[in-house]
PDB file of N, CA and C in Angstrom:
ATOM      1  N   MET A   1      74.710  -1.229-139.358  1.00  0.00           N
ATOM      2  CA  MET A   1      74.984  -2.637-139.623  1.00  0.00           C
ATOM      3  C   MET A   1      75.527  -2.786-141.041  1.00  0.00           C
ATOM      4  N   ILE A   2      76.127  -3.899-141.307  1.00  0.00           N
ATOM      5  CA  ILE A   2      76.756  -4.163-142.601  1.00  0.00           C
ATOM      6  C   ILE A   2      75.910  -5.159-143.399  1.00  0.00           C
ATOM      7  N   THR A   3      75.877  -4.971-144.699  1.00  0.00           N
ATOM      8  CA  THR A   3      75.152  -5.908-145.560  1.00  0.00           C
ATOM      9  C   THR A   3      76.106  -7.019-146.009  1.00  0.00           C
ATOM     10  N   GLN A   4      75.533  -8.089-146.525  1.00  0.00           N
ATOM     11  CA  GLN A   4      76.355  -9.201-147.033  1.00  0.00           C
ATOM     12  C   GLN A   4      77.236  -8.712-148.189  1.00  0.00           C
ATOM     13  N   ALA A   5      76.675  -7.866-149.046  1.00  0.00           N
ATOM     14  CA  ALA A   5      77.451  -7.344-150.188  1.00  0.00           C
ATOM     15  C   ALA A   5      78.627  -6.489-149.707  1.00  0.00           C
ATOM     16  N   GLN A   6      78.404  -5.663-148.688  1.00  0.00           N
ATOM     17  CA  GLN A   6      79.484  -4.839-148.150  1.00  0.00           C
ATOM     18  C   GLN A   6      80.560  -5.703-147.502  1.00  0.00           C
ATOM     19  N   LEU A   7      80.143  -6.728-146.772  1.00  0.00           N
ATOM     20  CA  LEU A   7      81.101  -7.627-146.123  1.00  0.00           C
ATOM     21  C   LEU A   7      81.945  -8.344-147.165  1.00  0.00           C
ATOM     22  N   THR A   8      81.293  -8.823-148.204  1.00  0.00           N
ATOM     23  CA  THR A   8      82.018  -9.505-149.281  1.00  0.00           C
ATOM     24  C   THR A   8      83.017  -8.553-149.939  1.00  0.00           C
ATOM     25  N   ALA A   9      82.589  -7.326-150.194  1.00  0.00           N
ATOM     26  CA  ALA A   9      83.482  -6.335-150.805  1.00  0.00           C
ATOM     27  C   ALA A   9      84.668  -6.026-149.895  1.00  0.00           C
ATOM     28  N   LEU A  10      84.424  -5.928-148.588  1.00  0.00           N
ATOM     29  CA  LEU A  10      85.517  -5.667-147.646  1.00  0.00           C
ATOM     30  C   LEU A  10      86.543  -6.793-147.654  1.00  0.00           C
ATOM     31  N   VAL A  11      86.072  -8.025-147.637  1.00  0.00           N
ATOM     32  CA  VAL A  11      86.996  -9.172-147.640  1.00  0.00           C
ATOM     33  C   VAL A  11      87.830  -9.158-148.915  1.00  0.00           C
ATOM     34  N   HIS A  12      87.201  -8.917-150.052  1.00  0.00           N
ATOM     35  CA  HIS A  12      87.940  -8.895-151.315  1.00  0.00           C
ATOM     36  C   HIS A  12      88.913  -7.714-151.376  1.00  0.00           C
ATOM     37  N   ARG A  13      88.514  -6.573-150.834  1.00  0.00           N
ATOM     38  CA  ARG A  13      89.412  -5.413-150.826  1.00  0.00           C
ATOM     39  C   ARG A  13      90.629  -5.680-149.943  1.00  0.00           C
ATOM     40  N   TYR A  14      90.381  -6.257-148.760  1.00  0.00           N
ATOM     41  CA  TYR A  14      91.492  -6.585-147.866  1.00  0.00           C
ATOM     42  C   TYR A  14      92.410  -7.615-148.526  1.00  0.00           C
ATOM     43  N   ALA A  15      91.826  -8.584-149.211  1.00  0.00           N
ATOM     44  CA  ALA A  15      92.638  -9.587-149.908  1.00  0.00           C
ATOM     45  C   ALA A  15      93.544  -8.913-150.936  1.00  0.00           C
ATOM     46  N   ALA A  16      93.000  -7.978-151.680  1.00  0.00           N
ATOM     47  CA  ALA A  16      93.804  -7.270-152.685  1.00  0.00           C
ATOM     48  C   ALA A  16      94.911  -6.447-152.023  1.00  0.00           C
ATOM     49  N   LEU A  17      94.585  -5.778-150.923  1.00  0.00           N
ATOM     50  CA  LEU A  17      95.580  -4.961-150.235  1.00  0.00           C
ATOM     51  C   LEU A  17      96.697  -5.804-149.622  1.00  0.00           C
ATOM     52  N   SER A  18      96.343  -6.987-149.133  1.00  0.00           N
ATOM     53  CA  SER A  18      97.336  -7.827-148.469  1.00  0.00           C
ATOM     54  C   SER A  18      98.078  -8.739-149.439  1.00  0.00           C
ATOM     55  N   GLY A  19      97.597  -8.816-150.682  1.00  0.00           N
ATOM     56  CA  GLY A  19      98.247  -9.674-151.669  1.00  0.00           C
ATOM     57  C   GLY A  19      97.974 -11.149-151.450  1.00  0.00           C
ATOM     58  N   ASN A  20      96.850 -11.441-150.823  1.00  0.00           N
ATOM     59  CA  ASN A  20      96.480 -12.821-150.539  1.00  0.00           C
ATOM     60  C   ASN A  20      95.139 -13.140-151.187  1.00  0.00           C
ATOM     61  N   PRO A  21      94.903 -14.417-151.496  1.00  0.00           N
ATOM     62  CA  PRO A  21      93.613 -14.781-152.072  1.00  0.00           C
ATOM     63  C   PRO A  21      92.484 -14.602-151.047  1.00  0.00           C
ATOM     64  N   PRO A  22      91.277 -14.283-151.511  1.00  0.00           N
ATOM     65  CA  PRO A  22      90.150 -14.125-150.601  1.00  0.00           C
ATOM     66  C   PRO A  22      89.912 -15.347-149.710  1.00  0.00           C
ATOM     67  N   ARG A  23      90.164 -16.537-150.212  1.00  0.00           N
ATOM     68  CA  ARG A  23      89.968 -17.734-149.383  1.00  0.00           C
ATOM     69  C   ARG A  23      90.938 -17.765-148.201  1.00  0.00           C
ATOM     70  N   ARG A  24      92.160 -17.274-148.391  1.00  0.00           N
ATOM     71  CA  ARG A  24      93.106 -17.225-147.270  1.00  0.00           C
ATOM     72  C   ARG A  24      92.639 -16.205-146.239  1.00  0.00           C
ATOM     73  N   VAL A  25      92.203 -15.050-146.716  1.00  0.00           N
ATOM     74  CA  VAL A  25      91.688 -14.029-145.800  1.00  0.00           C
ATOM     75  C   VAL A  25      90.484 -14.578-145.034  1.00  0.00           C
ATOM     76  N   SER A  26      89.608 -15.288-145.733  1.00  0.00           N
ATOM     77  CA  SER A  26      88.449 -15.908-145.088  1.00  0.00           C
ATOM     78  C   SER A  26      88.884 -16.874-143.989  1.00  0.00           C
ATOM     79  N   SER A  27      89.943 -17.613-144.247  1.00  0.00           N
ATOM     80  CA  SER A  27      90.422 -18.556-143.221  1.00  0.00           C
ATOM     81  C   SER A  27      91.027 -17.823-142.031  1.00  0.00           C
ATOM     82  N   TRP A  28      91.631 -16.660-142.260  1.00  0.00           N
ATOM     83  CA  TRP A  28      92.141 -15.870-141.129  1.00  0.00           C
ATOM     84  C   TRP A  28      90.990 -15.340-140.283  1.00  0.00           C
ATOM     85  N   ILE A  29      89.952 -14.862-140.962  1.00  0.00           N
ATOM     86  CA  ILE A  29      88.827 -14.250-140.251  1.00  0.00           C
ATOM     87  C   ILE A  29      87.983 -15.294-139.529  1.00  0.00           C
ATOM     88  N   TRP A  30      87.546 -16.311-140.265  1.00  0.00           N
ATOM     89  CA  TRP A  30      86.566 -17.271-139.744  1.00  0.00           C
ATOM     90  C   TRP A  30      87.125 -18.661-139.497  1.00  0.00           C
ATOM     91  N   ARG A  31      88.391 -18.873-139.772  1.00  0.00           N
ATOM     92  CA  ARG A  31      88.981 -20.211-139.688  1.00  0.00           C
ATOM     93  C   ARG A  31      88.304 -21.185-140.656  1.00  0.00           C
ATOM     94  N   ALA A  32      87.759 -20.625-141.736  1.00  0.00           N
ATOM     95  CA  ALA A  32      87.088 -21.435-142.762  1.00  0.00           C
ATOM     96  C   ALA A  32      87.151 -20.692-144.096  1.00  0.00           C
ATOM     97  N   ALA A  33      87.884 -21.245-145.040  1.00  0.00           N
ATOM     98  CA  ALA A  33      88.033 -20.609-146.350  1.00  0.00           C
ATOM     99  C   ALA A  33      86.731 -20.619-147.139  1.00  0.00           C
ATOM    100  N   VAL A  34      85.854 -21.557-146.864  1.00  0.00           N
ATOM    101  CA  VAL A  34      84.633 -21.717-147.663  1.00  0.00           C
ATOM    102  C   VAL A  34      83.599 -20.622-147.418  1.00  0.00           C
ATOM    103  N   ILE A  35      83.746 -19.858-146.349  1.00  0.00           N
ATOM    104  CA  ILE A  35      82.735 -18.839-146.062  1.00  0.00           C
ATOM    105  C   ILE A  35      82.730 -17.754-147.134  1.00  0.00           C
ATOM    106  N   ILE A  36      83.884 -17.349-147.624  1.00  0.00           N
ATOM    107  CA  ILE A  36      83.896 -16.338-148.689  1.00  0.00           C
ATOM    108  C   ILE A  36      83.282 -16.920-149.959  1.00  0.00           C
ATOM    109  N   ASP A  37      83.442 -18.215-150.194  1.00  0.00           N
ATOM    110  CA  ASP A  37      82.793 -18.845-151.348  1.00  0.00           C
ATOM    111  C   ASP A  37      81.273 -18.722-151.227  1.00  0.00           C
ATOM    112  N   ARG A  38      80.769 -18.981-150.023  1.00  0.00           N
ATOM    113  CA  ARG A  38      79.324 -18.887-149.769  1.00  0.00           C
ATOM    114  C   ARG A  38      78.835 -17.458-150.029  1.00  0.00           C
ATOM    115  N   LEU A  39      79.578 -16.468-149.536  1.00  0.00           N
ATOM    116  CA  LEU A  39      79.188 -15.075-149.750  1.00  0.00           C
ATOM    117  C   LEU A  39      79.247 -14.695-151.230  1.00  0.00           C
ATOM    118  N   ASP A  40      80.277 -15.165-151.926  1.00  0.00           N
ATOM    119  CA  ASP A  40      80.414 -14.870-153.355  1.00  0.00           C
ATOM    120  C   ASP A  40      79.258 -15.440-154.168  1.00  0.00           C
ATOM    121  N   GLN A  41      78.666 -16.515-153.678  1.00  0.00           N
ATOM    122  CA  GLN A  41      77.552 -17.164-154.384  1.00  0.00           C
ATOM    123  C   GLN A  41      76.198 -16.631-153.928  1.00  0.00           C
ATOM    124  N   GLY A  42      76.216 -15.524-153.162  1.00  0.00           N
ATOM    125  CA  GLY A  42      74.961 -14.920-152.736  1.00  0.00           C
ATOM    126  C   GLY A  42      74.429 -15.447-151.421  1.00  0.00           C
ATOM    127  N   GLY A  43      75.192 -16.295-150.757  1.00  0.00           N
ATOM    128  CA  GLY A  43      74.778 -16.841-149.470  1.00  0.00           C
ATOM    129  C   GLY A  43      74.964 -15.835-148.354  1.00  0.00           C
ATOM    130  N   ALA A  44      74.671 -16.275-147.172  1.00  0.00           N
ATOM    131  CA  ALA A  44      74.735 -15.394-146.012  1.00  0.00           C
ATOM    132  C   ALA A  44      75.578 -16.026-144.911  1.00  0.00           C
ATOM    133  N   VAL A  45      75.928 -15.197-143.942  1.00  0.00           N
ATOM    134  CA  VAL A  45      76.580 -15.679-142.727  1.00  0.00           C
ATOM    135  C   VAL A  45      75.733 -15.208-141.549  1.00  0.00           C
ATOM    136  N   GLU A  46      75.884 -15.877-140.433  1.00  0.00           N
ATOM    137  CA  GLU A  46      75.153 -15.513-139.231  1.00  0.00           C
ATOM    138  C   GLU A  46      75.619 -14.140-138.749  1.00  0.00           C
ATOM    139  N   LEU A  47      74.753 -13.467-138.011  1.00  0.00           N
ATOM    140  CA  LEU A  47      75.050 -12.120-137.537  1.00  0.00           C
ATOM    141  C   LEU A  47      76.328 -12.073-136.715  1.00  0.00           C
ATOM    142  N   ASP A  48      76.533 -13.041-135.819  1.00  0.00           N
ATOM    143  CA  ASP A  48      77.743 -13.012-134.990  1.00  0.00           C
ATOM    144  C   ASP A  48      79.002 -13.176-135.832  1.00  0.00           C
ATOM    145  N   ARG A  49      78.924 -13.944-136.901  1.00  0.00           N
ATOM    146  CA  ARG A  49      80.082 -14.092-137.791  1.00  0.00           C
ATOM    147  C   ARG A  49      80.346 -12.811-138.574  1.00  0.00           C
ATOM    148  N   ALA A  50      79.278 -12.130-138.985  1.00  0.00           N
ATOM    149  CA  ALA A  50      79.434 -10.869-139.709  1.00  0.00           C
ATOM    150  C   ALA A  50      80.044  -9.808-138.795  1.00  0.00           C
ATOM    151  N   VAL A  51      79.580  -9.726-137.555  1.00  0.00           N
ATOM    152  CA  VAL A  51      80.118  -8.770-136.596  1.00  0.00           C
ATOM    153  C   VAL A  51      81.589  -9.070-136.316  1.00  0.00           C
ATOM    154  N   HIS A  52      81.896 -10.357-136.129  1.00  0.00           N
ATOM    155  CA  HIS A  52      83.293 -10.760-135.903  1.00  0.00           C
ATOM    156  C   HIS A  52      84.171 -10.355-137.087  1.00  0.00           C
ATOM    157  N   ALA A  53      83.698 -10.599-138.307  1.00  0.00           N
ATOM    158  CA  ALA A  53      84.479 -10.276-139.503  1.00  0.00           C
ATOM    159  C   ALA A  53      84.707  -8.777-139.624  1.00  0.00           C
ATOM    160  N   LEU A  54      83.675  -7.998-139.362  1.00  0.00           N
ATOM    161  CA  LEU A  54      83.811  -6.554-139.451  1.00  0.00           C
ATOM    162  C   LEU A  54      84.852  -6.056-138.451  1.00  0.00           C
ATOM    163  N   GLN A  55      84.832  -6.591-137.235  1.00  0.00           N
ATOM    164  CA  GLN A  55      85.819  -6.186-136.232  1.00  0.00           C
ATOM    165  C   GLN A  55      87.218  -6.639-136.630  1.00  0.00           C
ATOM    166  N   TRP A  56      87.331  -7.871-137.131  1.00  0.00           N
ATOM    167  CA  TRP A  56      88.631  -8.387-137.553  1.00  0.00           C
ATOM    168  C   TRP A  56      89.211  -7.503-138.649  1.00  0.00           C
ATOM    169  N   LEU A  57      88.390  -7.185-139.648  1.00  0.00           N
ATOM    170  CA  LEU A  57      88.862  -6.349-140.750  1.00  0.00           C
ATOM    171  C   LEU A  57      89.248  -4.958-140.263  1.00  0.00           C
ATOM    172  N   SER A  58      88.478  -4.392-139.356  1.00  0.00           N
ATOM    173  CA  SER A  58      88.820  -3.084-138.804  1.00  0.00           C
ATOM    174  C   SER A  58      90.148  -3.137-138.051  1.00  0.00           C
ATOM    175  N   ASP A  59      90.341  -4.201-137.280  1.00  0.00           N
ATOM    176  CA  ASP A  59      91.579  -4.352-136.505  1.00  0.00           C
ATOM    177  C   ASP A  59      92.804  -4.550-137.387  1.00  0.00           C
ATOM    178  N   HIS A  60      92.634  -5.172-138.532  1.00  0.00           N
ATOM    179  CA  HIS A  60      93.762  -5.526-139.392  1.00  0.00           C
ATOM    180  C   HIS A  60      93.902  -4.645-140.625  1.00  0.00           C
ATOM    181  N   TRP A  61      93.008  -3.675-140.793  1.00  0.00           N
ATOM    182  CA  TRP A  61      93.054  -2.828-141.985  1.00  0.00           C
ATOM    183  C   TRP A  61      94.356  -2.026-141.992  1.00  0.00           C
ATOM    184  N   PRO A  62      95.070  -1.996-143.126  1.00  0.00           N
ATOM    185  CA  PRO A  62      96.341  -1.268-143.169  1.00  0.00           C
ATOM    186  C   PRO A  62      96.129   0.232-142.935  1.00  0.00           C
ATOM    187  N   ALA A  63      96.972   0.792-142.095  1.00  0.00           N
ATOM    188  CA  ALA A  63      96.842   2.195-141.703  1.00  0.00           C
ATOM    189  C   ALA A  63      96.984   3.147-142.888  1.00  0.00           C
ATOM    190  N   HIS A  64      97.728   2.744-143.898  1.00  0.00           N
ATOM    191  CA  HIS A  64      97.974   3.628-145.033  1.00  0.00           C
ATOM    192  C   HIS A  64      96.849   3.599-146.072  1.00  0.00           C
ATOM    193  N   GLU A  65      95.821   2.789-145.839  1.00  0.00           N
ATOM    194  CA  GLU A  65      94.705   2.683-146.777  1.00  0.00           C
ATOM    195  C   GLU A  65      93.417   3.196-146.131  1.00  0.00           C
ATOM    196  N   PRO A  66      92.634   3.997-146.856  1.00  0.00           N
ATOM    197  CA  PRO A  66      91.374   4.471-146.280  1.00  0.00           C
ATOM    198  C   PRO A  66      90.338   3.340-146.202  1.00  0.00           C
ATOM    199  N   TRP A  67      89.527   3.396-145.177  1.00  0.00           N
ATOM    200  CA  TRP A  67      88.407   2.461-145.022  1.00  0.00           C
ATOM    201  C   TRP A  67      87.373   2.804-146.100  1.00  0.00           C
ATOM    202  N   PRO A  68      86.768   1.821-146.741  1.00  0.00           N
ATOM    203  CA  PRO A  68      85.805   2.105-147.814  1.00  0.00           C
ATOM    204  C   PRO A  68      84.645   3.008-147.353  1.00  0.00           C
ATOM    205  N   ALA A  69      84.313   3.969-148.192  1.00  0.00           N
ATOM    206  CA  ALA A  69      83.215   4.896-147.896  1.00  0.00           C
ATOM    207  C   ALA A  69      81.890   4.151-147.887  1.00  0.00           C
ATOM    208  N   GLY A  70      80.999   4.604-147.033  1.00  0.00           N
ATOM    209  CA  GLY A  70      79.663   4.018-146.985  1.00  0.00           C
ATOM    210  C   GLY A  70      79.532   2.830-146.053  1.00  0.00           C
ATOM    211  N   ILE A  71      80.645   2.417-145.437  1.00  0.00           N
ATOM    212  CA  ILE A  71      80.619   1.298-144.491  1.00  0.00           C
ATOM    213  C   ILE A  71      81.109   1.833-143.154  1.00  0.00           C
ATOM    214  N   GLU A  72      80.262   1.710-142.147  1.00  0.00           N
ATOM    215  CA  GLU A  72      80.640   2.193-140.821  1.00  0.00           C
ATOM    216  C   GLU A  72      81.729   1.300-140.246  1.00  0.00           C
ATOM    217  N   ARG A  73      82.791   1.915-139.797  1.00  0.00           N
ATOM    218  CA  ARG A  73      83.925   1.170-139.242  1.00  0.00           C
ATOM    219  C   ARG A  73      83.869   1.155-137.722  1.00  0.00           C
ATOM    220  N   PRO A  74      83.945  -0.031-137.124  1.00  0.00           N
ATOM    221  CA  PRO A  74      83.994  -0.079-135.661  1.00  0.00           C
ATOM    222  C   PRO A  74      85.367   0.376-135.171  1.00  0.00           C
ATOM    223  N   PRO A  75      85.454   0.830-133.919  1.00  0.00           N
ATOM    224  CA  PRO A  75      86.773   1.204-133.392  1.00  0.00           C
ATOM    225  C   PRO A  75      87.718   0.009-133.484  1.00  0.00           C
ATOM    226  N   SER A  76      88.933   0.272-133.912  1.00  0.00           N
ATOM    227  CA  SER A  76      89.875  -0.836-134.090  1.00  0.00           C
ATOM    228  C   SER A  76      90.867  -0.916-132.951  1.00  0.00           C
ATOM    229  N   HIS A  77      91.374  -2.105-132.782  1.00  0.00           N
ATOM    230  CA  HIS A  77      92.427  -2.406-131.819  1.00  0.00           C
ATOM    231  C   HIS A  77      93.518  -3.098-132.623  1.00  0.00           C
ATOM    232  N   PRO A  78      94.358  -2.309-133.331  1.00  0.00           N
ATOM    233  CA  PRO A  78      95.307  -2.888-134.286  1.00  0.00           C
ATOM    234  C   PRO A  78      96.254  -3.908-133.666  1.00  0.00           C
ATOM    235  N   PRO A  79      96.538  -4.950-134.432  1.00  0.00           N
ATOM    236  CA  PRO A  79      97.532  -5.930-133.985  1.00  0.00           C
ATOM    237  C   PRO A  79      98.935  -5.346-134.096  1.00  0.00           C
ATOM    238  N   ASP A  80      99.897  -6.054-133.568  1.00  0.00           N
ATOM    239  CA  ASP A  80     101.280  -5.583-133.600  1.00  0.00           C
ATOM    240  C   ASP A  80     101.878  -5.609-135.004  1.00  0.00           C
ATOM    241  N   VAL A  81     101.408  -6.527-135.840  1.00  0.00           N
ATOM    242  CA  VAL A  81     102.015  -6.726-137.157  1.00  0.00           C
ATOM    243  C   VAL A  81     100.926  -6.825-138.219  1.00  0.00           C
ATOM    244  N   TRP A  82     101.153  -6.186-139.361  1.00  0.00           N
ATOM    245  CA  TRP A  82     100.268  -6.336-140.508  1.00  0.00           C
ATOM    246  C   TRP A  82     101.138  -6.656-141.709  1.00  0.00           C
ATOM    247  N   PRO A  83     100.800  -7.589-142.565  1.00  0.00           N
ATOM    248  CA  PRO A  83      99.646  -8.481-142.502  1.00  0.00           C
ATOM    249  C   PRO A  83      99.858  -9.587-141.475  1.00  0.00           C
ATOM    250  N   PRO A  84      98.828 -10.376-141.220  1.00  0.00           N
ATOM    251  CA  PRO A  84      98.957 -11.439-140.220  1.00  0.00           C
ATOM    252  C   PRO A  84     100.103 -12.387-140.547  1.00  0.00           C
ATOM    253  N   LYS A  85     100.737 -12.876-139.507  1.00  0.00           N
ATOM    254  CA  LYS A  85     101.823 -13.838-139.681  1.00  0.00           C
ATOM    255  C   LYS A  85     101.241 -15.185-140.069  1.00  0.00           C
ATOM    256  N   LYS A  86     102.050 -15.960-140.758  1.00  0.00           N
ATOM    257  CA  LYS A  86     101.629 -17.318-141.066  1.00  0.00           C
ATOM    258  C   LYS A  86     101.649 -18.125-139.784  1.00  0.00           C
ATOM    259  N   GLY A  87     100.746 -19.068-139.701  1.00  0.00           N
ATOM    260  CA  GLY A  87     100.666 -19.916-138.513  1.00  0.00           C
ATOM    261  C   GLY A  87     101.843 -20.874-138.441  1.00  0.00           C
ATOM    262  N   PRO A  88     101.948 -21.610-137.348  1.00  0.00           N
ATOM    263  CA  PRO A  88     103.039 -22.571-137.208  1.00  0.00           C
ATOM    264  C   PRO A  88     102.899 -23.699-138.221  1.00  0.00           C
ATOM    265  N   LYS A  89     104.015 -24.285-138.567  1.00  0.00           N
ATOM    266  CA  LYS A  89     103.990 -25.412-139.489  1.00  0.00           C
ATOM    267  C   LYS A  89     103.289 -26.583-138.821  1.00  0.00           C
ATOM    268  N   LYS A  90     102.528 -27.290-139.624  1.00  0.00           N
ATOM    269  CA  LYS A  90     101.807 -28.435-139.089  1.00  0.00           C
ATOM    270  C   LYS A  90     102.695 -29.667-139.143  1.00  0.00           C
ATOM    271  N   GLY A  91     102.348 -30.645-138.364  1.00  0.00           N
ATOM    272  CA  GLY A  91     103.118 -31.876-138.342  1.00  0.00           C
ATOM    273  C   GLY A  91     103.630 -32.161-136.952  1.00  0.00           C
ATOM    274  N   ARG A  92     104.249 -33.272-136.832  1.00  0.00           N
ATOM    275  CA  ARG A  92     104.774 -33.668-135.523  1.00  0.00           C
ATOM    276  C   ARG A  92     106.046 -32.891-135.220  1.00  0.00           C
ATOM    277  N   PRO A  93     106.232 -32.542-133.960  1.00  0.00           N
ATOM    278  CA  PRO A  93     107.491 -31.874-133.612  1.00  0.00           C
ATOM    279  C   PRO A  93     108.650 -32.860-133.757  1.00  0.00           C
ATOM    280  N   ARG A  94     109.788 -32.347-134.116  1.00  0.00           N
ATOM    281  CA  ARG A  94     110.959 -33.205-134.269  1.00  0.00           C
ATOM    282  C   ARG A  94     111.502 -33.586-132.916  1.00  0.00           C
ATOM    283  N   LYS A  95     111.950 -34.808-132.824  1.00  0.00           N
ATOM    284  CA  LYS A  95     112.545 -35.280-131.569  1.00  0.00           C
ATOM    285  C   LYS A  95     114.013 -34.867-131.553  1.00  0.00           C
ATOM    286  N   ALA A  96     114.459 -34.534-130.366  1.00  0.00           N
ATOM    287  CA  ALA A  96     115.862 -34.174-130.207  1.00  0.00           C
ATOM    288  C   ALA A  96     116.714 -35.440-130.375  1.00  0.00           C
ATOM    289  N   VAL A  97     117.843 -35.278-131.016  1.00  0.00           N
ATOM    290  CA  VAL A  97     118.780 -36.403-131.178  1.00  0.00           C
ATOM    291  C   VAL A  97     119.612 -36.492-129.910  1.00  0.00           C
ATOM    292  N   PRO A  98     119.605 -37.661-129.268  1.00  0.00           N
ATOM    293  CA  PRO A  98     120.380 -37.768-128.033  1.00  0.00           C
ATOM    294  C   PRO A  98     121.884 -37.615-128.295  1.00  0.00           C
ATOM    295  N   ASP A  99     122.553 -37.032-127.343  1.00  0.00           N
ATOM    296  CA  ASP A  99     123.998 -36.834-127.440  1.00  0.00           C
ATOM    297  C   ASP A  99     124.670 -38.168-127.233  1.00  0.00           C
ATOM    298  N   SER A 100     125.522 -38.562-128.168  1.00  0.00           N
ATOM    299  CA  SER A 100     126.190 -39.860-128.049  1.00  0.00           C
ATOM    300  C   SER A 100     127.381 -39.822-127.100  1.00  0.00           C
ATOM    301  N   GLY A 101     127.784 -38.646-126.707  1.00  0.00           N
ATOM    302  CA  GLY A 101     128.916 -38.524-125.779  1.00  0.00           C
ATOM    303  C   GLY A 101     130.254 -38.533-126.491  1.00  0.00           C
ATOM    304  N   LYS A 102     130.265 -38.785-127.794  1.00  0.00           N
ATOM    305  CA  LYS A 102     131.515 -38.792-128.566  1.00  0.00           C
ATOM    306  C   LYS A 102     131.753 -37.401-129.120  1.00  0.00           C
ATOM    307  N   SER A 103     132.983 -36.954-129.047  1.00  0.00           N
ATOM    308  CA  SER A 103     133.326 -35.644-129.609  1.00  0.00           C
ATOM    309  C   SER A 103     134.435 -35.763-130.595  1.00  0.00           C
TER     310      SER A 103
END
């Protein structure tokens, strides 16, 4: 099993490797940027969230970087692209402009 300190270190290491802030990585993993803040302040996460994070990090860990020693890595199922793609832009979809028939 993973400790809170190890999980926090993994998130920060992945953030450094991906060139993204830890809060962004936290939002990718848990859909909540504040969870890494809680961990940084000595707080905890529920077991299912910790297991999910460990699997997410294993799945997204860059192949060219070694997994940190002392932390058991679950089998990974790598995504097609690393780092994760940005999500779709938020907002209302644009309406199509009707064809006026004039050319």
